[in-house]
N, C-alpha and C. Protein backbone atom coordinates (compact mmCIF):
# COMPACT_ATOMS: atom_id res chain seq x y z
N MET A 1 -25.89 -49.52 -53.03
CA MET A 1 -24.82 -48.39 -53.09
C MET A 1 -25.22 -49.00 -54.96
N ALA A 2 -25.10 -47.94 -55.44
CA ALA A 2 -24.83 -47.11 -56.53
C ALA A 2 -23.71 -46.98 -57.70
N PHE A 3 -23.44 -47.74 -57.96
CA PHE A 3 -22.36 -47.59 -59.01
C PHE A 3 -22.46 -46.96 -60.51
N ILE A 4 -20.92 -46.58 -61.19
CA ILE A 4 -21.39 -46.17 -62.21
C ILE A 4 -20.69 -46.81 -62.79
N THR A 5 -22.10 -46.83 -64.16
CA THR A 5 -21.89 -48.12 -65.05
C THR A 5 -22.02 -47.13 -66.64
N GLY A 6 -22.04 -48.48 -67.72
CA GLY A 6 -21.75 -47.72 -69.22
C GLY A 6 -22.42 -48.79 -69.98
N ILE A 7 -23.07 -48.96 -70.94
CA ILE A 7 -23.82 -49.39 -71.34
C ILE A 7 -23.03 -50.11 -72.82
N ARG A 8 -22.70 -51.38 -72.79
CA ARG A 8 -22.23 -52.07 -73.66
C ARG A 8 -22.20 -51.99 -75.11
N LYS A 9 -22.33 -52.19 -76.61
CA LYS A 9 -22.57 -52.37 -77.80
C LYS A 9 -24.05 -53.36 -78.11
N ASN A 10 -23.66 -54.27 -76.90
CA ASN A 10 -24.28 -55.04 -77.15
C ASN A 10 -25.74 -54.58 -76.38
N GLY A 11 -26.35 -53.96 -76.10
CA GLY A 11 -27.27 -53.28 -74.87
C GLY A 11 -27.22 -53.77 -73.26
N LYS A 12 -25.90 -54.62 -73.53
CA LYS A 12 -25.54 -55.50 -72.12
C LYS A 12 -24.83 -54.27 -70.44
N GLU A 13 -24.74 -54.04 -69.93
CA GLU A 13 -24.35 -52.91 -68.73
C GLU A 13 -22.91 -53.71 -68.30
N TRP A 14 -22.17 -52.83 -67.61
CA TRP A 14 -20.96 -53.18 -67.39
C TRP A 14 -20.65 -51.85 -66.49
N THR A 15 -20.30 -52.40 -65.49
CA THR A 15 -19.61 -51.86 -64.06
C THR A 15 -18.45 -51.65 -64.34
N PRO A 16 -17.19 -50.79 -64.58
CA PRO A 16 -16.01 -50.66 -65.11
C PRO A 16 -15.56 -50.56 -63.72
N LYS A 17 -14.33 -50.98 -63.82
CA LYS A 17 -12.92 -50.69 -61.96
C LYS A 17 -12.13 -50.19 -62.54
N PHE A 18 -12.26 -48.77 -61.25
CA PHE A 18 -11.36 -47.55 -61.91
C PHE A 18 -9.75 -48.15 -61.26
N ILE A 19 -8.82 -47.48 -61.53
CA ILE A 19 -7.51 -47.80 -61.14
C ILE A 19 -7.49 -46.85 -59.52
N PHE A 20 -7.25 -47.45 -58.82
CA PHE A 20 -7.84 -47.47 -57.22
C PHE A 20 -6.04 -47.34 -56.56
N GLU A 21 -5.21 -48.17 -56.60
CA GLU A 21 -3.88 -48.70 -56.14
C GLU A 21 -2.78 -49.46 -56.79
N LEU A 22 -1.60 -48.63 -56.77
CA LEU A 22 -0.05 -49.30 -57.36
C LEU A 22 0.48 -49.69 -56.66
N SER A 23 1.19 -50.99 -56.58
CA SER A 23 1.91 -51.16 -55.36
C SER A 23 3.39 -51.51 -56.49
N LYS A 24 4.16 -49.63 -55.33
CA LYS A 24 5.16 -49.58 -55.82
C LYS A 24 6.78 -50.96 -55.45
N GLU A 25 6.09 -51.63 -53.67
CA GLU A 25 6.95 -52.67 -53.94
C GLU A 25 7.07 -53.68 -55.26
N SER A 26 5.94 -54.40 -55.57
CA SER A 26 5.73 -55.22 -56.19
C SER A 26 6.38 -54.65 -57.84
N CYS A 27 6.64 -53.10 -57.88
CA CYS A 27 6.17 -53.02 -59.56
C CYS A 27 8.14 -53.23 -59.55
N ILE A 28 7.99 -54.00 -61.08
CA ILE A 28 9.41 -53.51 -61.49
C ILE A 28 9.61 -53.15 -62.42
N ALA A 29 8.99 -51.92 -62.70
CA ALA A 29 9.36 -51.22 -64.08
C ALA A 29 9.62 -51.28 -65.76
N CYS A 30 9.17 -51.95 -65.79
CA CYS A 30 8.27 -53.16 -66.85
C CYS A 30 7.94 -51.79 -68.17
N GLY A 31 7.46 -50.92 -67.80
CA GLY A 31 6.67 -50.23 -68.43
C GLY A 31 4.81 -50.43 -69.28
N ARG A 32 4.56 -52.49 -69.02
CA ARG A 32 4.17 -52.49 -70.00
C ARG A 32 2.85 -51.91 -69.59
N CYS A 33 2.78 -51.31 -68.43
CA CYS A 33 0.93 -51.05 -68.45
C CYS A 33 0.65 -49.55 -68.47
N PHE A 34 2.35 -48.91 -68.51
CA PHE A 34 2.63 -47.66 -69.75
C PHE A 34 1.28 -48.05 -70.53
N LYS A 35 3.15 -48.81 -71.36
CA LYS A 35 2.43 -48.99 -72.57
C LYS A 35 1.19 -49.77 -72.95
N ALA A 36 0.23 -50.24 -71.81
CA ALA A 36 -1.11 -50.54 -71.92
C ALA A 36 -2.83 -49.61 -71.94
N CYS A 37 -1.63 -48.47 -71.12
CA CYS A 37 -2.81 -47.01 -71.52
C CYS A 37 -2.61 -46.46 -72.27
N ALA A 38 -4.23 -46.44 -72.35
CA ALA A 38 -3.93 -45.21 -73.91
C ALA A 38 -4.13 -43.40 -73.38
N TYR A 39 -4.60 -43.61 -71.86
CA TYR A 39 -5.63 -43.07 -71.61
C TYR A 39 -4.12 -41.94 -70.76
N ALA A 40 -2.96 -41.79 -70.32
CA ALA A 40 -2.26 -41.26 -69.72
C ALA A 40 -2.04 -41.44 -68.11
N CYS A 41 -2.22 -42.07 -67.44
CA CYS A 41 -2.50 -42.31 -65.99
C CYS A 41 -1.23 -42.47 -65.59
N LEU A 42 -1.13 -42.74 -66.14
CA LEU A 42 0.68 -43.56 -64.39
C LEU A 42 1.98 -42.62 -65.81
N ALA A 43 3.14 -42.93 -65.18
CA ALA A 43 4.76 -42.99 -65.56
C ALA A 43 5.35 -43.05 -64.31
N LEU A 44 6.62 -43.11 -64.32
CA LEU A 44 7.74 -43.83 -64.24
C LEU A 44 8.00 -42.90 -62.61
N GLU A 45 8.16 -43.46 -61.72
CA GLU A 45 8.60 -42.49 -60.86
C GLU A 45 10.05 -43.06 -59.90
N GLU A 46 11.17 -42.40 -59.45
CA GLU A 46 12.23 -42.87 -58.49
C GLU A 46 11.72 -42.88 -57.29
N TYR A 47 12.07 -43.48 -56.38
CA TYR A 47 12.94 -43.10 -54.80
C TYR A 47 14.07 -44.01 -54.25
N GLU A 48 14.40 -43.54 -53.12
CA GLU A 48 15.27 -44.35 -52.51
C GLU A 48 15.11 -44.91 -51.20
N ASP A 49 16.24 -45.45 -50.80
CA ASP A 49 15.40 -46.92 -49.99
C ASP A 49 17.26 -46.84 -50.12
N ASP A 50 17.04 -47.63 -48.43
CA ASP A 50 18.31 -48.19 -48.18
C ASP A 50 19.31 -49.24 -49.12
N ASP A 51 18.76 -49.63 -50.00
CA ASP A 51 18.96 -50.13 -51.59
C ASP A 51 19.58 -49.70 -51.83
N GLY A 52 19.31 -48.18 -51.88
CA GLY A 52 19.31 -47.06 -53.21
C GLY A 52 18.37 -46.79 -54.06
N GLU A 53 18.94 -46.24 -54.98
CA GLU A 53 17.12 -45.86 -56.01
C GLU A 53 16.59 -46.61 -56.82
N LYS A 54 15.73 -46.69 -56.73
CA LYS A 54 14.88 -47.85 -57.92
C LYS A 54 13.58 -46.96 -58.46
N THR A 55 13.14 -47.24 -58.68
CA THR A 55 12.29 -47.09 -60.06
C THR A 55 10.86 -47.83 -60.20
N TYR A 56 10.60 -46.98 -60.36
CA TYR A 56 8.76 -47.83 -60.33
C TYR A 56 7.29 -46.70 -60.50
N MET A 57 6.63 -47.58 -61.35
CA MET A 57 5.16 -47.27 -61.63
C MET A 57 4.49 -46.72 -60.84
N SER A 58 3.47 -45.37 -61.10
CA SER A 58 3.09 -44.93 -60.47
C SER A 58 1.67 -43.98 -60.96
N ILE A 59 0.64 -43.53 -60.35
CA ILE A 59 -0.93 -43.16 -61.01
C ILE A 59 -0.29 -41.67 -60.79
N VAL A 60 -0.28 -41.27 -61.89
CA VAL A 60 -0.56 -39.78 -61.80
C VAL A 60 -1.64 -38.66 -62.67
N ASP A 61 -3.14 -38.97 -63.10
CA ASP A 61 -3.98 -38.64 -62.90
C ASP A 61 -4.57 -40.38 -63.36
N ASP A 62 -5.82 -40.72 -61.78
CA ASP A 62 -6.62 -41.49 -62.07
C ASP A 62 -7.85 -40.51 -62.08
N GLY A 63 -7.82 -39.72 -62.93
CA GLY A 63 -9.47 -39.04 -62.94
C GLY A 63 -9.54 -39.63 -64.04
N ALA A 64 -8.29 -39.54 -65.45
CA ALA A 64 -8.13 -39.78 -67.12
C ALA A 64 -8.89 -41.80 -66.72
N CYS A 65 -8.56 -42.48 -65.53
CA CYS A 65 -8.70 -43.89 -65.87
C CYS A 65 -10.36 -44.39 -66.73
N ILE A 66 -10.71 -44.71 -67.66
CA ILE A 66 -12.15 -45.45 -67.81
C ILE A 66 -12.65 -46.93 -67.59
N GLY A 67 -11.61 -47.75 -66.38
CA GLY A 67 -12.06 -48.24 -65.93
C GLY A 67 -11.17 -49.71 -67.00
N CYS A 68 -10.80 -49.66 -67.82
CA CYS A 68 -11.06 -51.00 -68.92
C CYS A 68 -9.55 -51.94 -68.17
N GLU A 69 -8.45 -52.13 -67.08
CA GLU A 69 -7.75 -52.10 -66.71
C GLU A 69 -6.76 -52.79 -67.95
N ALA A 70 -7.00 -52.54 -69.08
CA ALA A 70 -5.71 -52.82 -69.51
C ALA A 70 -4.27 -52.85 -68.69
N CYS A 71 -4.13 -51.80 -67.79
CA CYS A 71 -2.80 -51.78 -67.04
C CYS A 71 -2.47 -52.84 -66.29
N ALA A 72 -4.01 -53.60 -65.08
CA ALA A 72 -3.54 -54.94 -64.53
C ALA A 72 -3.43 -56.15 -65.42
N LYS A 73 -4.32 -56.30 -66.73
CA LYS A 73 -4.35 -57.03 -67.57
C LYS A 73 -2.24 -57.30 -68.17
N ALA A 74 -1.60 -56.28 -68.26
CA ALA A 74 -0.14 -55.46 -69.57
C ALA A 74 0.45 -56.45 -67.74
N CYS A 75 0.41 -56.23 -66.49
CA CYS A 75 1.21 -56.45 -65.22
C CYS A 75 1.70 -57.82 -65.26
N PRO A 76 3.13 -58.23 -65.50
CA PRO A 76 3.68 -59.20 -65.29
C PRO A 76 3.12 -59.59 -63.74
N LYS A 77 3.56 -58.68 -62.65
CA LYS A 77 3.52 -58.99 -61.13
C LYS A 77 2.12 -58.01 -60.56
N SER A 78 0.88 -58.48 -60.40
CA SER A 78 0.13 -58.03 -59.93
C SER A 78 -0.25 -56.79 -59.23
N CYS A 79 0.13 -55.86 -59.81
CA CYS A 79 0.20 -54.40 -58.98
C CYS A 79 -0.29 -53.63 -58.71
N PHE A 80 -1.89 -54.06 -59.53
CA PHE A 80 -2.53 -53.05 -59.75
C PHE A 80 -4.14 -53.41 -58.95
N THR A 81 -4.65 -52.44 -58.13
CA THR A 81 -5.91 -52.70 -57.48
C THR A 81 -7.31 -51.72 -57.88
N HIS A 82 -8.01 -52.12 -58.85
CA HIS A 82 -8.95 -51.53 -59.53
C HIS A 82 -10.29 -52.16 -58.34
N ALA A 83 -11.06 -50.93 -58.80
CA ALA A 83 -12.49 -51.24 -57.76
C ALA A 83 -13.78 -50.24 -58.81
N PRO A 84 -14.88 -50.42 -58.18
CA PRO A 84 -15.92 -50.60 -58.87
C PRO A 84 -16.27 -48.79 -58.46
N VAL A 85 -16.88 -47.82 -58.52
CA VAL A 85 -16.48 -46.26 -58.00
C VAL A 85 -18.31 -46.03 -57.80
N GLU A 86 -19.17 -44.70 -56.64
CA GLU A 86 -19.66 -45.46 -56.46
C GLU A 86 -20.59 -44.01 -57.29
N ALA A 87 -21.72 -43.57 -57.89
CA ALA A 87 -22.47 -42.88 -58.48
C ALA A 87 -22.62 -41.67 -57.83
């Protein structure tokens, strides 16, 4: 199984892990991931449950993800799942 890879400036290979899933149950809608993502992959969404209206971050354009994982690094609740993509 071969994954999409890139080459770093120093010539070493790098396997990016692209955004795969975001847990809306864990998300506190702090917006840190939104600010960290330079590629507009995320947006705030609202939904209603038994406790009323809730806000959470959602993936709106996973195709724009470059696999840097900046969103996951900024998230205080570990809401993100990333994975390499097969070539």
